Amino acid sequence: MVGPVSLSNLPNLSIQTENRPGVRLGKYASSAAPAGVNGSFSEFLEAKIQETNHLQVEADQAVSSVATGQSHNLHEMMIALDRADVSFRLMTKVRNKAVEAYQEIMRMQF
């Protein structure tokens, strides 16, 4: 059996952006690259995990404020829940792909 995988054991890979004219995606619609894109892959992944956790905390706060009667805005609560859900499902899929890739590497014979 193989031991646990740690982010600190990953090699330092850099993420490169592709600049194509007319392409604007999400919150990175400005011409400047996002701050964490030029760092290592493990730093980028860790930042996205923290962002997913932040969305989960925001959704929990929205649910508790509606449940306690502090807020009556169900629409914003549902949006926060959906954002957290999509982010968590994406992170789970990324984790599953990383584990599959790790297992495939472990099966390789040199």
C-alpha atoms as a PDB file:
ATOM      1  CA  MET A   1       0.000   0.000   0.000  1.00  0.00           C
ATOM      2  CA  VAL A   2       1.234   3.461  -0.859  1.00  0.00           C
ATOM      3  CA  GLY A   3       1.390   6.194   1.815  1.00  0.00           C
ATOM      4  CA  PRO A   4      -0.497   9.493   1.769  1.00  0.00           C
ATOM      5  CA  VAL A   5       0.248  12.132  -0.822  1.00  0.00           C
ATOM      6  CA  SER A   6       1.427  15.532   0.384  1.00  0.00           C
ATOM      7  CA  LEU A   7       1.354  18.805  -1.538  1.00  0.00           C
ATOM      8  CA  SER A   8       4.893  19.542  -0.391  1.00  0.00           C
ATOM      9  CA  ASN A   9       6.184  16.524  -2.357  1.00  0.00           C
ATOM     10  CA  LEU A  10       4.929  17.844  -5.689  1.00  0.00           C
ATOM     11  CA  PRO A  11       7.518  19.216  -8.092  1.00  0.00           C
ATOM     12  CA  ASN A  12       7.539  22.937  -8.747  1.00  0.00           C
ATOM     13  CA  LEU A  13       5.607  23.276 -11.990  1.00  0.00           C
ATOM     14  CA  SER A  14       4.633  26.657 -13.313  1.00  0.00           C
ATOM     15  CA  ILE A  15       1.218  27.493 -14.682  1.00  0.00           C
ATOM     16  CA  GLN A  16       1.355  29.473 -17.904  1.00  0.00           C
ATOM     17  CA  THR A  17      -1.486  31.503 -19.267  1.00  0.00           C
ATOM     18  CA  GLU A  18      -2.536  31.652 -22.871  1.00  0.00           C
ATOM     19  CA  ASN A  19      -3.331  35.108 -24.154  1.00  0.00           C
ATOM     20  CA  ARG A  20      -5.752  35.103 -27.047  1.00  0.00           C
ATOM     21  CA  PRO A  21      -7.413  38.270 -28.296  1.00  0.00           C
ATOM     22  CA  GLY A  22     -11.093  38.546 -27.478  1.00  0.00           C
ATOM     23  CA  VAL A  23     -11.119  35.807 -24.843  1.00  0.00           C
ATOM     24  CA  ARG A  24     -12.452  36.869 -21.457  1.00  0.00           C
ATOM     25  CA  LEU A  25     -13.306  34.313 -18.801  1.00  0.00           C
ATOM     26  CA  GLY A  26     -15.029  34.808 -15.446  1.00  0.00           C
ATOM     27  CA  LYS A  27     -13.424  37.028 -12.849  1.00  0.00           C
ATOM     28  CA  TYR A  28     -10.187  37.099 -14.861  1.00  0.00           C
ATOM     29  CA  ALA A  29     -11.760  39.207 -17.587  1.00  0.00           C
ATOM     30  CA  SER A  30      -9.093  41.892 -17.288  1.00  0.00           C
ATOM     31  CA  SER A  31      -6.012  41.774 -19.470  1.00  0.00           C
ATOM     32  CA  ALA A  32      -3.720  41.181 -16.466  1.00  0.00           C
ATOM     33  CA  ALA A  33      -3.088  37.595 -15.372  1.00  0.00           C
ATOM     34  CA  PRO A  34      -4.391  36.542 -11.957  1.00  0.00           C
ATOM     35  CA  ALA A  35      -1.893  36.878  -9.119  1.00  0.00           C
ATOM     36  CA  GLY A  36      -1.326  33.176  -8.353  1.00  0.00           C
ATOM     37  CA  VAL A  37      -0.995  31.891 -11.913  1.00  0.00           C
ATOM     38  CA  ASN A  38       2.785  32.240 -12.253  1.00  0.00           C
ATOM     39  CA  GLY A  39       3.572  30.312  -9.045  1.00  0.00           C
ATOM     40  CA  SER A  40       4.049  26.604  -8.597  1.00  0.00           C
ATOM     41  CA  PHE A  41       1.243  24.126  -9.193  1.00  0.00           C
ATOM     42  CA  SER A  42       1.083  23.200  -5.513  1.00  0.00           C
ATOM     43  CA  GLU A  43       0.658  26.888  -4.552  1.00  0.00           C
ATOM     44  CA  PHE A  44      -2.074  27.289  -7.166  1.00  0.00           C
ATOM     45  CA  LEU A  45      -3.847  24.154  -5.935  1.00  0.00           C
ATOM     46  CA  GLU A  46      -3.580  25.231  -2.315  1.00  0.00           C
ATOM     47  CA  ALA A  47      -5.054  28.640  -3.162  1.00  0.00           C
ATOM     48  CA  LYS A  48      -7.993  26.998  -4.918  1.00  0.00           C
ATOM     49  CA  ILE A  49      -8.570  24.685  -1.946  1.00  0.00           C
ATOM     50  CA  GLN A  50      -8.642  27.717   0.351  1.00  0.00           C
ATOM     51  CA  GLU A  51     -11.048  29.465  -2.029  1.00  0.00           C
ATOM     52  CA  THR A  52     -13.337  26.416  -1.962  1.00  0.00           C
ATOM     53  CA  ASN A  53     -13.225  26.403   1.836  1.00  0.00           C
ATOM     54  CA  HIS A  54     -14.061  30.120   1.901  1.00  0.00           C
ATOM     55  CA  LEU A  55     -17.105  29.510  -0.325  1.00  0.00           C
ATOM     56  CA  GLN A  56     -18.233  26.698   2.012  1.00  0.00           C
ATOM     57  CA  VAL A  57     -17.926  29.020   5.034  1.00  0.00           C
ATOM     58  CA  GLU A  58     -19.889  31.758   3.242  1.00  0.00           C
ATOM     59  CA  ALA A  59     -22.641  29.274   2.375  1.00  0.00           C
ATOM     60  CA  ASP A  60     -22.808  28.050   5.986  1.00  0.00           C
ATOM     61  CA  GLN A  61     -23.107  31.638   7.221  1.00  0.00           C
ATOM     62  CA  ALA A  62     -25.874  32.364   4.701  1.00  0.00           C
ATOM     63  CA  VAL A  63     -27.822  29.283   5.788  1.00  0.00           C
ATOM     64  CA  SER A  64     -27.446  30.096   9.477  1.00  0.00           C
ATOM     65  CA  SER A  65     -28.545  33.708   8.957  1.00  0.00           C
ATOM     66  CA  VAL A  66     -31.692  32.561   7.130  1.00  0.00           C
ATOM     67  CA  ALA A  67     -32.346  29.817   9.701  1.00  0.00           C
ATOM     68  CA  THR A  68     -32.061  32.242  12.632  1.00  0.00           C
ATOM     69  CA  GLY A  69     -34.211  34.887  10.951  1.00  0.00           C
ATOM     70  CA  GLN A  70     -31.443  37.482  10.601  1.00  0.00           C
ATOM     71  CA  SER A  71     -31.940  37.448   6.845  1.00  0.00           C
ATOM     72  CA  HIS A  72     -34.927  36.687   4.635  1.00  0.00           C
ATOM     73  CA  ASN A  73     -32.970  36.603   1.391  1.00  0.00           C
ATOM     74  CA  LEU A  74     -33.412  33.007   0.200  1.00  0.00           C
ATOM     75  CA  HIS A  75     -32.160  33.888  -3.264  1.00  0.00           C
ATOM     76  CA  GLU A  76     -28.692  34.896  -2.066  1.00  0.00           C
ATOM     77  CA  MET A  77     -28.542  31.874   0.229  1.00  0.00           C
ATOM     78  CA  MET A  78     -29.287  29.525  -2.665  1.00  0.00           C
ATOM     79  CA  ILE A  79     -26.670  31.222  -4.850  1.00  0.00           C
ATOM     80  CA  ALA A  80     -24.072  30.862  -2.077  1.00  0.00           C
ATOM     81  CA  LEU A  81     -24.984  27.179  -1.648  1.00  0.00           C
ATOM     82  CA  ASP A  82     -24.751  26.523  -5.381  1.00  0.00           C
ATOM     83  CA  ARG A  83     -21.391  28.293  -5.685  1.00  0.00           C
ATOM     84  CA  ALA A  84     -20.016  26.251  -2.786  1.00  0.00           C
ATOM     85  CA  ASP A  85     -21.451  23.040  -4.238  1.00  0.00           C
ATOM     86  CA  VAL A  86     -19.995  23.577  -7.708  1.00  0.00           C
ATOM     87  CA  SER A  87     -16.624  24.540  -6.269  1.00  0.00           C
ATOM     88  CA  PHE A  88     -16.557  21.490  -4.006  1.00  0.00           C
ATOM     89  CA  ARG A  89     -17.578  19.109  -6.798  1.00  0.00           C
ATOM     90  CA  LEU A  90     -14.875  20.541  -9.070  1.00  0.00           C
ATOM     91  CA  MET A  91     -12.252  20.173  -6.326  1.00  0.00           C
ATOM     92  CA  THR A  92     -13.373  16.578  -5.763  1.00  0.00           C
ATOM     93  CA  LYS A  93     -12.993  15.805  -9.465  1.00  0.00           C
ATOM     94  CA  VAL A  94      -9.530  17.389  -9.516  1.00  0.00           C
ATOM     95  CA  ARG A  95      -8.556  15.331  -6.470  1.00  0.00           C
ATOM     96  CA  ASN A  96      -9.837  12.131  -8.091  1.00  0.00           C
ATOM     97  CA  LYS A  97      -7.866  12.842 -11.280  1.00  0.00           C
ATOM     98  CA  ALA A  98      -4.717  13.543  -9.253  1.00  0.00           C
ATOM     99  CA  VAL A  99      -5.114  10.277  -7.347  1.00  0.00           C
ATOM    100  CA  GLU A 100      -5.704   8.381 -10.607  1.00  0.00           C
ATOM    101  CA  ALA A 101      -2.582   9.931 -12.119  1.00  0.00           C
ATOM    102  CA  TYR A 102      -0.563   9.060  -9.008  1.00  0.00           C
ATOM    103  CA  GLN A 103      -1.810   5.467  -9.091  1.00  0.00           C
ATOM    104  CA  GLU A 104      -0.984   5.199 -12.798  1.00  0.00           C
ATOM    105  CA  ILE A 105       2.542   6.439 -12.142  1.00  0.00           C
ATOM    106  CA  MET A 106       2.929   3.893  -9.330  1.00  0.00           C
ATOM    107  CA  ARG A 107       1.908   1.109 -11.742  1.00  0.00           C
ATOM    108  CA  MET A 108       4.592   2.085 -14.254  1.00  0.00           C
ATOM    109  CA  GLN A 109       7.637  -0.128 -14.497  1.00  0.00           C
ATOM    110  CA  PHE A 110      10.978   1.411 -15.318  1.00  0.00           C
END
